[in-house]
PDB file of N, CA and C in Angstrom:
ATOM      1  N   UNK A   1     -16.573  -9.890   8.422  1.00  0.00           N
ATOM      2  CA  UNK A   1     -16.841  -8.834   7.150  1.00  0.00           C
ATOM      3  C   UNK A   1     -15.254  -7.989   7.109  1.00  0.00           C
ATOM      4  N   UNK A   2     -14.766  -7.899   8.315  1.00  0.00           N
ATOM      5  CA  UNK A   2     -13.568  -6.970   8.230  1.00  0.00           C
ATOM      6  C   UNK A   2     -12.372  -7.664   7.526  1.00  0.00           C
ATOM      7  N   UNK A   3     -12.199  -8.997   7.859  1.00  0.00           N
ATOM      8  CA  UNK A   3     -11.237 -10.064   7.502  1.00  0.00           C
ATOM      9  C   UNK A   3     -11.332 -10.096   5.788  1.00  0.00           C
ATOM     10  N   UNK A   4     -12.650 -10.302   5.474  1.00  0.00           N
ATOM     11  CA  UNK A   4     -12.915 -10.447   4.051  1.00  0.00           C
ATOM     12  C   UNK A   4     -12.360  -9.254   3.122  1.00  0.00           C
ATOM     13  N   UNK A   5     -12.647  -8.144   3.837  1.00  0.00           N
ATOM     14  CA  UNK A   5     -12.020  -6.963   2.917  1.00  0.00           C
ATOM     15  C   UNK A   5     -10.604  -6.373   3.079  1.00  0.00           C
ATOM     16  N   UNK A   6     -10.152  -6.892   4.068  1.00  0.00           N
ATOM     17  CA  UNK A   6      -8.892  -6.886   4.358  1.00  0.00           C
ATOM     18  C   UNK A   6      -8.227  -7.741   3.474  1.00  0.00           C
ATOM     19  N   UNK A   7      -8.539  -8.909   3.414  1.00  0.00           N
ATOM     20  CA  UNK A   7      -7.909 -10.117   2.463  1.00  0.00           C
ATOM     21  C   UNK A   7      -8.107  -9.643   1.001  1.00  0.00           C
ATOM     22  N   UNK A   8      -9.324  -8.858   0.713  1.00  0.00           N
ATOM     23  CA  UNK A   8      -9.401  -8.434  -0.691  1.00  0.00           C
ATOM     24  C   UNK A   8      -8.520  -7.255  -1.111  1.00  0.00           C
ATOM     25  N   UNK A   9      -8.287  -6.252   0.040  1.00  0.00           N
ATOM     26  CA  UNK A   9      -7.327  -5.516  -0.222  1.00  0.00           C
ATOM     27  C   UNK A   9      -5.899  -5.706  -0.383  1.00  0.00           C
ATOM     28  N   UNK A  10      -5.427  -6.633   0.466  1.00  0.00           N
ATOM     29  CA  UNK A  10      -4.108  -7.481   0.277  1.00  0.00           C
ATOM     30  C   UNK A  10      -3.978  -8.237  -0.964  1.00  0.00           C
ATOM     31  N   UNK A  11      -5.000  -8.909  -1.539  1.00  0.00           N
ATOM     32  CA  UNK A  11      -5.141  -9.500  -3.012  1.00  0.00           C
ATOM     33  C   UNK A  11      -5.024  -8.432  -3.981  1.00  0.00           C
ATOM     34  N   UNK A  12      -5.587  -7.581  -3.743  1.00  0.00           N
ATOM     35  CA  UNK A  12      -5.472  -6.504  -5.015  1.00  0.00           C
ATOM     36  C   UNK A  12      -4.317  -5.846  -5.008  1.00  0.00           C
ATOM     37  N   UNK A  13      -3.403  -5.645  -3.651  1.00  0.00           N
ATOM     38  CA  UNK A  13      -2.139  -5.120  -3.946  1.00  0.00           C
ATOM     39  C   UNK A  13      -1.232  -6.081  -4.411  1.00  0.00           C
ATOM     40  N   UNK A  14      -1.395  -7.344  -4.127  1.00  0.00           N
ATOM     41  CA  UNK A  14      -0.617  -8.702  -4.775  1.00  0.00           C
ATOM     42  C   UNK A  14      -0.778  -8.596  -6.105  1.00  0.00           C
ATOM     43  N   UNK A  15      -2.002  -8.322  -6.559  1.00  0.00           N
ATOM     44  CA  UNK A  15      -2.354  -8.509  -8.152  1.00  0.00           C
ATOM     45  C   UNK A  15      -1.496  -7.355  -8.815  1.00  0.00           C
ATOM     46  N   UNK A  16      -1.511  -6.439  -8.106  1.00  0.00           N
ATOM     47  CA  UNK A  16      -0.843  -4.987  -8.725  1.00  0.00           C
ATOM     48  C   UNK A  16       0.795  -5.293  -8.713  1.00  0.00           C
ATOM     49  N   UNK A  17       1.517  -5.927  -7.766  1.00  0.00           N
ATOM     50  CA  UNK A  17       2.537  -6.248  -7.752  1.00  0.00           C
ATOM     51  C   UNK A  17       2.970  -7.095  -9.040  1.00  0.00           C
ATOM     52  N   UNK A  18       2.129  -8.264  -8.962  1.00  0.00           N
ATOM     53  CA  UNK A  18       2.427  -9.321 -10.115  1.00  0.00           C
ATOM     54  C   UNK A  18       2.371  -8.682 -11.496  1.00  0.00           C
ATOM     55  N   UNK A  19       1.233  -7.738 -11.871  1.00  0.00           N
ATOM     56  CA  UNK A  19       1.107  -7.198 -12.849  1.00  0.00           C
ATOM     57  C   UNK A  19       2.634  -6.242 -13.312  1.00  0.00           C
ATOM     58  N   UNK A  20       3.114  -5.661 -12.280  1.00  0.00           N
ATOM     59  CA  UNK A  20       4.187  -4.954 -12.449  1.00  0.00           C
ATOM     60  C   UNK A  20       5.672  -5.892 -12.836  1.00  0.00           C
ATOM     61  N   UNK A  21       5.480  -6.913 -11.998  1.00  0.00           N
ATOM     62  CA  UNK A  21       6.508  -7.931 -12.221  1.00  0.00           C
ATOM     63  C   UNK A  21       6.395  -8.437 -13.446  1.00  0.00           C
ATOM     64  N   UNK A  22       5.346  -8.953 -14.058  1.00  0.00           N
ATOM     65  CA  UNK A  22       5.186  -9.524 -15.312  1.00  0.00           C
ATOM     66  C   UNK A  22       5.334  -8.404 -16.446  1.00  0.00           C
ATOM     67  N   UNK A  23       5.147  -7.141 -16.303  1.00  0.00           N
ATOM     68  CA  UNK A  23       5.539  -6.341 -17.226  1.00  0.00           C
ATOM     69  C   UNK A  23       7.059  -5.878 -17.265  1.00  0.00           C
ATOM     70  N   UNK A  24       7.492  -5.953 -16.161  1.00  0.00           N
ATOM     71  CA  UNK A  24       9.036  -5.661 -16.192  1.00  0.00           C
ATOM     72  C   UNK A  24      10.015  -7.038 -16.824  1.00  0.00           C
ATOM     73  N   UNK A  25       9.257  -8.200 -16.864  1.00  0.00           N
ATOM     74  CA  UNK A  25       9.871  -9.272 -17.555  1.00  0.00           C
ATOM     75  C   UNK A  25       9.574  -9.408 -19.114  1.00  0.00           C
ATOM     76  N   UNK A  26       8.457  -8.696 -19.400  1.00  0.00           N
ATOM     77  CA  UNK A  26       8.011  -8.481 -20.856  1.00  0.00           C
ATOM     78  C   UNK A  26       9.341  -8.093 -21.796  1.00  0.00           C
ATOM     79  N   UNK A  27       9.847  -6.843 -21.273  1.00  0.00           N
ATOM     80  CA  UNK A  27      10.687  -6.098 -22.087  1.00  0.00           C
ATOM     81  C   UNK A  27      12.044  -5.579 -21.087  1.00  0.00           C
ATOM     82  N   UNK A  28      12.985  -6.797 -21.273  1.00  0.00           N
ATOM     83  CA  UNK A  28      14.185  -6.618 -20.460  1.00  0.00           C
ATOM     84  C   UNK A  28      15.047  -5.427 -21.133  1.00  0.00           C
ATOM     85  N   UNK A  29      14.907  -4.815 -22.439  1.00  0.00           N
ATOM     86  CA  UNK A  29      15.660  -3.663 -22.811  1.00  0.00           C
ATOM     87  C   UNK A  29      15.185  -2.660 -22.691  1.00  0.00           C
ATOM     88  N   UNK A  30      14.222  -2.191 -21.860  1.00  0.00           N
ATOM     89  CA  UNK A  30      13.729  -0.929 -21.656  1.00  0.00           C
ATOM     90  C   UNK A  30      14.494  -0.025 -20.574  1.00  0.00           C
ATOM     91  N   UNK A  31      14.779   1.154 -21.077  1.00  0.00           N
ATOM     92  CA  UNK A  31      15.521   2.319 -20.268  1.00  0.00           C
ATOM     93  C   UNK A  31      14.733   2.880 -19.374  1.00  0.00           C
ATOM     94  N   UNK A  32      15.201   3.554 -18.373  1.00  0.00           N
ATOM     95  CA  UNK A  32      14.249   4.291 -17.341  1.00  0.00           C
ATOM     96  C   UNK A  32      13.639   5.441 -18.065  1.00  0.00           C
ATOM     97  N   UNK A  33      14.169   5.990 -19.093  1.00  0.00           N
ATOM     98  CA  UNK A  33      13.464   7.024 -19.852  1.00  0.00           C
ATOM     99  C   UNK A  33      12.408   6.678 -20.481  1.00  0.00           C
ATOM    100  N   UNK A  34      12.392   5.202 -20.993  1.00  0.00           N
ATOM    101  CA  UNK A  34      11.276   4.775 -21.614  1.00  0.00           C
ATOM    102  C   UNK A  34      10.119   4.462 -20.746  1.00  0.00           C
ATOM    103  N   UNK A  35      10.365   3.956 -19.350  1.00  0.00           N
ATOM    104  CA  UNK A  35       9.317   3.959 -18.330  1.00  0.00           C
ATOM    105  C   UNK A  35       8.868   5.406 -18.308  1.00  0.00           C
ATOM    106  N   UNK A  36       9.088   6.417 -18.325  1.00  0.00           N
ATOM    107  CA  UNK A  36       8.742   7.394 -18.030  1.00  0.00           C
ATOM    108  C   UNK A  36       7.650   7.891 -18.996  1.00  0.00           C
ATOM    109  N   UNK A  37       8.038   7.633 -20.247  1.00  0.00           N
ATOM    110  CA  UNK A  37       7.234   8.050 -21.358  1.00  0.00           C
ATOM    111  C   UNK A  37       5.927   6.930 -21.377  1.00  0.00           C
ATOM    112  N   UNK A  38       6.116   5.883 -20.977  1.00  0.00           N
ATOM    113  CA  UNK A  38       5.092   4.915 -20.769  1.00  0.00           C
ATOM    114  C   UNK A  38       3.982   5.067 -20.065  1.00  0.00           C
ATOM    115  N   UNK A  39       4.331   5.179 -18.789  1.00  0.00           N
ATOM    116  CA  UNK A  39       3.225   5.479 -17.742  1.00  0.00           C
ATOM    117  C   UNK A  39       3.781   6.126 -16.310  1.00  0.00           C
ATOM    118  N   UNK A  40       3.127   5.272 -15.317  1.00  0.00           N
ATOM    119  CA  UNK A  40       3.475   5.680 -13.988  1.00  0.00           C
ATOM    120  C   UNK A  40       4.646   5.118 -13.675  1.00  0.00           C
ATOM    121  N   UNK A  41       5.572   5.913 -12.777  1.00  0.00           N
ATOM    122  CA  UNK A  41       6.694   5.438 -12.194  1.00  0.00           C
ATOM    123  C   UNK A  41       6.644   4.627 -10.912  1.00  0.00           C
ATOM    124  N   UNK A  42       7.563   4.053 -10.518  1.00  0.00           N
ATOM    125  CA  UNK A  42       7.691   3.439  -9.413  1.00  0.00           C
ATOM    126  C   UNK A  42       7.341   4.249  -8.095  1.00  0.00           C
ATOM    127  N   UNK A  43       7.758   5.549  -8.180  1.00  0.00           N
ATOM    128  CA  UNK A  43       7.746   6.763  -7.382  1.00  0.00           C
ATOM    129  C   UNK A  43       6.186   7.014  -7.067  1.00  0.00           C
ATOM    130  N   UNK A  44       5.407   7.074  -8.217  1.00  0.00           N
ATOM    131  CA  UNK A  44       4.123   7.258  -8.244  1.00  0.00           C
ATOM    132  C   UNK A  44       3.274   6.427  -7.820  1.00  0.00           C
ATOM    133  N   UNK A  45       3.742   4.815  -7.989  1.00  0.00           N
ATOM    134  CA  UNK A  45       2.776   3.923  -7.132  1.00  0.00           C
ATOM    135  C   UNK A  45       3.008   4.011  -5.848  1.00  0.00           C
ATOM    136  N   UNK A  46       4.416   4.204  -5.435  1.00  0.00           N
ATOM    137  CA  UNK A  46       4.468   4.329  -3.634  1.00  0.00           C
ATOM    138  C   UNK A  46       3.703   5.375  -3.176  1.00  0.00           C
ATOM    139  N   UNK A  47       3.774   6.672  -4.042  1.00  0.00           N
ATOM    140  CA  UNK A  47       3.131   7.661  -3.422  1.00  0.00           C
ATOM    141  C   UNK A  47       1.603   7.640  -3.465  1.00  0.00           C
ATOM    142  N   UNK A  48       0.847   7.097  -4.279  1.00  0.00           N
ATOM    143  CA  UNK A  48      -0.536   6.599  -4.179  1.00  0.00           C
ATOM    144  C   UNK A  48      -0.565   5.616  -3.124  1.00  0.00           C
ATOM    145  N   UNK A  49       0.048   4.733  -2.959  1.00  0.00           N
ATOM    146  CA  UNK A  49      -0.009   3.780  -1.745  1.00  0.00           C
ATOM    147  C   UNK A  49       0.165   4.574  -0.438  1.00  0.00           C
ATOM    148  N   UNK A  50       1.167   5.518  -0.290  1.00  0.00           N
ATOM    149  CA  UNK A  50       0.895   5.972   0.933  1.00  0.00           C
ATOM    150  C   UNK A  50      -0.248   7.130   1.161  1.00  0.00           C
ATOM    151  N   UNK A  51      -0.504   7.698  -0.025  1.00  0.00           N
ATOM    152  CA  UNK A  51      -1.758   8.520   0.175  1.00  0.00           C
ATOM    153  C   UNK A  51      -2.790   7.731   0.463  1.00  0.00           C
ATOM    154  N   UNK A  52      -2.889   6.570   0.104  1.00  0.00           N
ATOM    155  CA  UNK A  52      -4.340   5.582   0.311  1.00  0.00           C
ATOM    156  C   UNK A  52      -3.947   5.034   1.729  1.00  0.00           C
ATOM    157  N   UNK A  53      -3.196   4.951   2.182  1.00  0.00           N
ATOM    158  CA  UNK A  53      -2.922   4.393   3.579  1.00  0.00           C
ATOM    159  C   UNK A  53      -3.209   5.454   4.699  1.00  0.00           C
ATOM    160  N   UNK A  54      -2.761   6.669   4.138  1.00  0.00           N
ATOM    161  CA  UNK A  54      -3.113   7.831   5.030  1.00  0.00           C
ATOM    162  C   UNK A  54      -4.521   8.289   5.220  1.00  0.00           C
ATOM    163  N   UNK A  55      -5.200   8.274   3.923  1.00  0.00           N
ATOM    164  CA  UNK A  55      -6.722   8.502   3.817  1.00  0.00           C
ATOM    165  C   UNK A  55      -7.529   7.520   4.798  1.00  0.00           C
ATOM    166  N   UNK A  56      -6.794   5.921   4.821  1.00  0.00           N
ATOM    167  CA  UNK A  56      -7.570   5.292   5.521  1.00  0.00           C
ATOM    168  C   UNK A  56      -7.382   5.372   7.164  1.00  0.00           C
ATOM    169  N   UNK A  57      -6.099   5.912   7.364  1.00  0.00           N
ATOM    170  CA  UNK A  57      -5.981   6.447   8.588  1.00  0.00           C
ATOM    171  C   UNK A  57      -7.014   7.481   9.117  1.00  0.00           C
ATOM    172  N   UNK A  58      -6.746   8.542   8.279  1.00  0.00           N
ATOM    173  CA  UNK A  58      -7.641   9.770   8.757  1.00  0.00           C
ATOM    174  C   UNK A  58      -9.066   9.236   8.607  1.00  0.00           C
ATOM    175  N   UNK A  59      -9.476   8.728   7.907  1.00  0.00           N
ATOM    176  CA  UNK A  59     -11.103   7.865   8.040  1.00  0.00           C
ATOM    177  C   UNK A  59     -11.566   7.191   9.345  1.00  0.00           C
ATOM    178  N   UNK A  60     -10.252   6.235   9.585  1.00  0.00           N
ATOM    179  CA  UNK A  60     -10.557   5.834  10.825  1.00  0.00           C
ATOM    180  C   UNK A  60     -10.464   6.508  12.211  1.00  0.00           C
ATOM    181  N   UNK A  61      -9.550   7.514  12.058  1.00  0.00           N
ATOM    182  CA  UNK A  61      -9.425   8.498  13.475  1.00  0.00           C
ATOM    183  C   UNK A  61     -10.951   9.178  13.392  1.00  0.00           C
ATOM    184  N   UNK A  62     -11.376   9.909  12.084  1.00  0.00           N
ATOM    185  CA  UNK A  62     -12.797  10.582  12.355  1.00  0.00           C
ATOM    186  C   UNK A  62     -13.770   9.747  12.881  1.00  0.00           C
ATOM    187  N   UNK A  63     -14.013   8.375  12.146  1.00  0.00           N
ATOM    188  CA  UNK A  63     -15.048   7.559  12.781  1.00  0.00           C
ATOM    189  C   UNK A  63     -14.770   7.192  14.179  1.00  0.00           C
ATOM    190  N   UNK A  64     -13.675   7.245  14.799  1.00  0.00           N
ATOM    191  CA  UNK A  64     -13.561   7.039  15.997  1.00  0.00           C
ATOM    192  C   UNK A  64     -13.967   8.144  16.892  1.00  0.00           C
ATOM    193  N   UNK A  65     -13.380   9.287  16.441  1.00  0.00           N
ATOM    194  CA  UNK A  65     -13.841  10.447  17.226  1.00  0.00           C
ATOM    195  C   UNK A  65     -15.271  10.512  17.288  1.00  0.00           C
ATOM    196  N   UNK A  66     -16.005  10.309  15.947  1.00  0.00           N
ATOM    197  CA  UNK A  66     -17.397  10.328  16.139  1.00  0.00           C
ATOM    198  C   UNK A  66     -18.133   9.404  17.096  1.00  0.00           C
ATOM    199  N   UNK A  67     -17.511   8.127  17.068  1.00  0.00           N
ATOM    200  CA  UNK A  67     -17.905   7.335  17.871  1.00  0.00           C
ATOM    201  C   UNK A  67     -17.938   7.547  19.375  1.00  0.00           C
ATOM    202  N   UNK A  68     -16.841   8.126  19.683  1.00  0.00           N
ATOM    203  CA  UNK A  68     -16.513   8.537  20.958  1.00  0.00           C
ATOM    204  C   UNK A  68     -17.206   9.785  21.663  1.00  0.00           C
ATOM    205  N   UNK A  69     -17.806  10.758  20.480  1.00  0.00           N
ATOM    206  CA  UNK A  69     -18.684  11.589  20.706  1.00  0.00           C
ATOM    207  C   UNK A  69     -19.892  11.465  21.086  1.00  0.00           C
ATOM    208  N   UNK A  70     -20.278  10.248  20.453  1.00  0.00           N
ATOM    209  CA  UNK A  70     -21.784   9.871  20.589  1.00  0.00           C
ATOM    210  C   UNK A  70     -22.424  10.569  19.187  1.00  0.00           C
ATOM    211  N   UNK A  71     -21.905  10.820  18.213  1.00  0.00           N
ATOM    212  CA  UNK A  71     -22.640  11.403  17.074  1.00  0.00           C
ATOM    213  C   UNK A  71     -22.736  10.316  16.171  1.00  0.00           C
ATOM    214  N   UNK A  72     -22.063   9.040  16.245  1.00  0.00           N
ATOM    215  CA  UNK A  72     -22.190   7.914  15.455  1.00  0.00           C
ATOM    216  C   UNK A  72     -22.465   6.585  16.170  1.00  0.00           C
ATOM    217  N   UNK A  73     -23.326   6.064  16.103  1.00  0.00           N
ATOM    218  CA  UNK A  73     -23.546   4.518  16.709  1.00  0.00           C
ATOM    219  C   UNK A  73     -23.240   3.409  15.901  1.00  0.00           C
ATOM    220  N   UNK A  74     -22.533   3.572  14.779  1.00  0.00           N
ATOM    221  CA  UNK A  74     -21.968   2.556  13.952  1.00  0.00           C
ATOM    222  C   UNK A  74     -20.686   2.138  14.540  1.00  0.00           C
ATOM    223  N   UNK A  75     -20.760   1.458  15.798  1.00  0.00           N
ATOM    224  CA  UNK A  75     -19.333   1.000  16.220  1.00  0.00           C
ATOM    225  C   UNK A  75     -18.767  -0.162  15.587  1.00  0.00           C
ATOM    226  N   UNK A  76     -19.254  -0.970  14.647  1.00  0.00           N
ATOM    227  CA  UNK A  76     -18.960  -2.126  13.979  1.00  0.00           C
ATOM    228  C   UNK A  76     -18.205  -1.530  12.713  1.00  0.00           C
ATOM    229  N   UNK A  77     -18.561  -0.470  12.276  1.00  0.00           N
ATOM    230  CA  UNK A  77     -18.126   0.024  11.039  1.00  0.00           C
ATOM    231  C   UNK A  77     -16.896   0.799  11.302  1.00  0.00           C
ATOM    232  N   UNK A  78     -16.709   1.313  12.613  1.00  0.00           N
ATOM    233  CA  UNK A  78     -15.809   2.301  13.288  1.00  0.00           C
ATOM    234  C   UNK A  78     -14.668   0.968  13.390  1.00  0.00           C
ATOM    235  N   UNK A  79     -14.873  -0.047  14.066  1.00  0.00           N
ATOM    236  CA  UNK A  79     -13.870  -1.158  14.100  1.00  0.00           C
ATOM    237  C   UNK A  79     -13.338  -1.766  13.063  1.00  0.00           C
ATOM    238  N   UNK A  80     -14.291  -1.741  11.851  1.00  0.00           N
ATOM    239  CA  UNK A  80     -13.598  -2.425  10.634  1.00  0.00           C
ATOM    240  C   UNK A  80     -12.711  -1.176   9.840  1.00  0.00           C
ATOM    241  N   UNK A  81     -13.305  -0.161   9.936  1.00  0.00           N
ATOM    242  CA  UNK A  81     -12.278   1.010   9.285  1.00  0.00           C
ATOM    243  C   UNK A  81     -10.902   1.067  10.136  1.00  0.00           C
ATOM    244  N   UNK A  82     -10.817   0.853  11.408  1.00  0.00           N
ATOM    245  CA  UNK A  82      -9.666   0.843  12.250  1.00  0.00           C
ATOM    246  C   UNK A  82      -8.856  -0.432  11.950  1.00  0.00           C
ATOM    247  N   UNK A  83      -9.562  -1.433  11.583  1.00  0.00           N
ATOM    248  CA  UNK A  83      -8.705  -2.871  11.219  1.00  0.00           C
ATOM    249  C   UNK A  83      -8.248  -2.658   9.885  1.00  0.00           C
ATOM    250  N   UNK A  84      -8.816  -2.278   8.971  1.00  0.00           N
ATOM    251  CA  UNK A  84      -8.228  -1.814   7.673  1.00  0.00           C
ATOM    252  C   UNK A  84      -7.111  -0.778   7.679  1.00  0.00           C
ATOM    253  N   UNK A  85      -7.260   0.155   8.349  1.00  0.00           N
ATOM    254  CA  UNK A  85      -6.146   1.087   8.587  1.00  0.00           C
ATOM    255  C   UNK A  85      -4.754   0.500   9.131  1.00  0.00           C
ATOM    256  N   UNK A  86      -5.066  -0.455  10.059  1.00  0.00           N
ATOM    257  CA  UNK A  86      -3.930  -0.910  10.939  1.00  0.00           C
ATOM    258  C   UNK A  86      -3.316  -2.112   9.857  1.00  0.00           C
ATOM    259  N   UNK A  87      -4.137  -2.909   9.115  1.00  0.00           N
ATOM    260  CA  UNK A  87      -3.334  -3.712   8.170  1.00  0.00           C
ATOM    261  C   UNK A  87      -2.815  -3.147   7.102  1.00  0.00           C
ATOM    262  N   UNK A  88      -3.338  -2.130   6.567  1.00  0.00           N
ATOM    263  CA  UNK A  88      -2.734  -1.347   5.489  1.00  0.00           C
ATOM    264  C   UNK A  88      -1.411  -0.770   5.832  1.00  0.00           C
ATOM    265  N   UNK A  89      -1.560  -0.037   6.882  1.00  0.00           N
ATOM    266  CA  UNK A  89      -0.318   0.376   7.466  1.00  0.00           C
ATOM    267  C   UNK A  89       0.953  -0.721   7.754  1.00  0.00           C
ATOM    268  N   UNK A  90       0.402  -1.828   8.311  1.00  0.00           N
ATOM    269  CA  UNK A  90       1.482  -2.882   8.684  1.00  0.00           C
ATOM    270  C   UNK A  90       2.084  -3.566   7.227  1.00  0.00           C
ATOM    271  N   UNK A  91       1.165  -3.430   6.292  1.00  0.00           N
ATOM    272  CA  UNK A  91       1.606  -3.743   5.032  1.00  0.00           C
ATOM    273  C   UNK A  91       2.530  -2.856   4.347  1.00  0.00           C
ATOM    274  N   UNK A  92       2.316  -1.483   4.435  1.00  0.00           N
ATOM    275  CA  UNK A  92       3.293  -0.487   4.129  1.00  0.00           C
ATOM    276  C   UNK A  92       4.565  -0.279   4.828  1.00  0.00           C
ATOM    277  N   UNK A  93       4.480  -0.935   6.148  1.00  0.00           N
ATOM    278  CA  UNK A  93       5.850  -0.971   6.788  1.00  0.00           C
ATOM    279  C   UNK A  93       6.643  -2.113   6.366  1.00  0.00           C
ATOM    280  N   UNK A  94       5.826  -3.322   6.219  1.00  0.00           N
ATOM    281  CA  UNK A  94       6.566  -4.263   5.833  1.00  0.00           C
ATOM    282  C   UNK A  94       7.417  -4.307   4.358  1.00  0.00           C
ATOM    283  N   UNK A  95       6.533  -3.529   3.442  1.00  0.00           N
ATOM    284  CA  UNK A  95       7.024  -3.017   1.827  1.00  0.00           C
ATOM    285  C   UNK A  95       8.170  -2.096   2.074  1.00  0.00           C
ATOM    286  N   UNK A  96       8.135  -1.200   3.308  1.00  0.00           N
ATOM    287  CA  UNK A  96       9.397  -0.349   3.231  1.00  0.00           C
ATOM    288  C   UNK A  96      10.554  -1.178   3.763  1.00  0.00           C
ATOM    289  N   UNK A  97      10.277  -2.191   4.672  1.00  0.00           N
ATOM    290  CA  UNK A  97      11.438  -3.173   5.388  1.00  0.00           C
ATOM    291  C   UNK A  97      12.296  -3.788   4.138  1.00  0.00           C
ATOM    292  N   UNK A  98      11.216  -4.457   3.369  1.00  0.00           N
ATOM    293  CA  UNK A  98      11.722  -5.026   2.101  1.00  0.00           C
ATOM    294  C   UNK A  98      12.458  -4.239   1.222  1.00  0.00           C
ATOM    295  N   UNK A  99      12.089  -3.204   0.946  1.00  0.00           N
ATOM    296  CA  UNK A  99      12.638  -2.146   0.117  1.00  0.00           C
ATOM    297  C   UNK A  99      14.410  -1.877   0.689  1.00  0.00           C
ATOM    298  N   UNK A 100      14.275  -1.495   1.877  1.00  0.00           N
ATOM    299  CA  UNK A 100      15.339  -1.071   2.601  1.00  0.00           C
ATOM    300  C   UNK A 100      16.385  -2.042   2.533  1.00  0.00           C
ATOM    301  N   UNK A 101      15.771  -3.528   2.877  1.00  0.00           N
ATOM    302  CA  UNK A 101      16.679  -4.783   2.770  1.00  0.00           C
ATOM    303  C   UNK A 101      17.386  -4.914   1.508  1.00  0.00           C
ATOM    304  N   UNK A 102      16.446  -4.645   0.422  1.00  0.00           N
ATOM    305  CA  UNK A 102      16.931  -4.835  -0.852  1.00  0.00           C
ATOM    306  C   UNK A 102      18.124  -3.764  -1.345  1.00  0.00           C
ATOM    307  N   UNK A 103      17.858  -2.544  -0.841  1.00  0.00           N
ATOM    308  CA  UNK A 103      18.957  -1.347  -1.094  1.00  0.00           C
ATOM    309  C   UNK A 103      20.332  -1.652  -0.243  1.00  0.00           C
ATOM    310  N   UNK A 104      19.949  -2.271   1.032  1.00  0.00           N
ATOM    311  CA  UNK A 104      21.166  -2.557   1.754  1.00  0.00           C
ATOM    312  C   UNK A 104      21.917  -3.867   0.965  1.00  0.00           C
ATOM    313  N   UNK A 105      21.159  -4.729   0.451  1.00  0.00           N
ATOM    314  CA  UNK A 105      21.939  -5.937  -0.192  1.00  0.00           C
ATOM    315  C   UNK A 105      22.437  -5.119  -1.559  1.00  0.00           C
ATOM    316  N   UNK A 106      22.081  -4.338  -2.390  1.00  0.00           N
ATOM    317  CA  UNK A 106      22.768  -3.661  -3.379  1.00  0.00           C
ATOM    318  C   UNK A 106      24.054  -2.985  -3.119  1.00  0.00           C
ATOM    319  N   UNK A 107      23.845  -2.321  -2.055  1.00  0.00           N
ATOM    320  CA  UNK A 107      25.021  -1.480  -1.478  1.00  0.00           C
ATOM    321  C   UNK A 107      26.350  -2.464  -1.025  1.00  0.00           C
ATOM    322  N   UNK A 108      25.774  -3.614  -0.655  1.00  0.00           N
ATOM    323  CA  UNK A 108      26.988  -4.550  -0.245  1.00  0.00           C
ATOM    324  C   UNK A 108      27.711  -5.271  -1.299  1.00  0.00           C
ATOM    325  N   UNK A 109      27.114  -5.083  -2.708  1.00  0.00           N
ATOM    326  CA  UNK A 109      27.532  -5.555  -3.843  1.00  0.00           C
ATOM    327  C   UNK A 109      28.965  -5.105  -4.008  1.00  0.00           C
ATOM    328  N   UNK A 110      30.072  -6.106  -4.400  1.00  0.00           N
ATOM    329  CA  UNK A 110      31.275  -5.451  -4.835  1.00  0.00           C
ATOM    330  C   UNK A 110      31.019  -4.869  -6.220  1.00  0.00           C
ATOM    331  N   UNK A 111      31.885  -3.646  -6.508  1.00  0.00           N
ATOM    332  CA  UNK A 111      31.971  -2.981  -7.773  1.00  0.00           C
ATOM    333  C   UNK A 111      32.455  -3.511  -8.697  1.00  0.00           C
TER     334      UNK A 111
END
């Protein structure tokens, strides 16, 4: 159950990334100011992703505290939440690493 929900979350993120990629290919002559008028920016997407990962971490922590104190007996749900938070955090770290690698590659380009 945890694997299927984590897989569906990863597929959702991939679908969003593909949608952004397809939108960027449709209109090559769009400037940065046009993107601000059209919708959400890349920074907004990153911020919402970070906020979502943070909320998953907080939820998993609170569920673990409840299970440790004996207030909750749903250990399987606690483990599922912890695994989802871990997977989403790992995905965020990998996205950060890829963005950093891309930035470093751009900085190495000759001017």
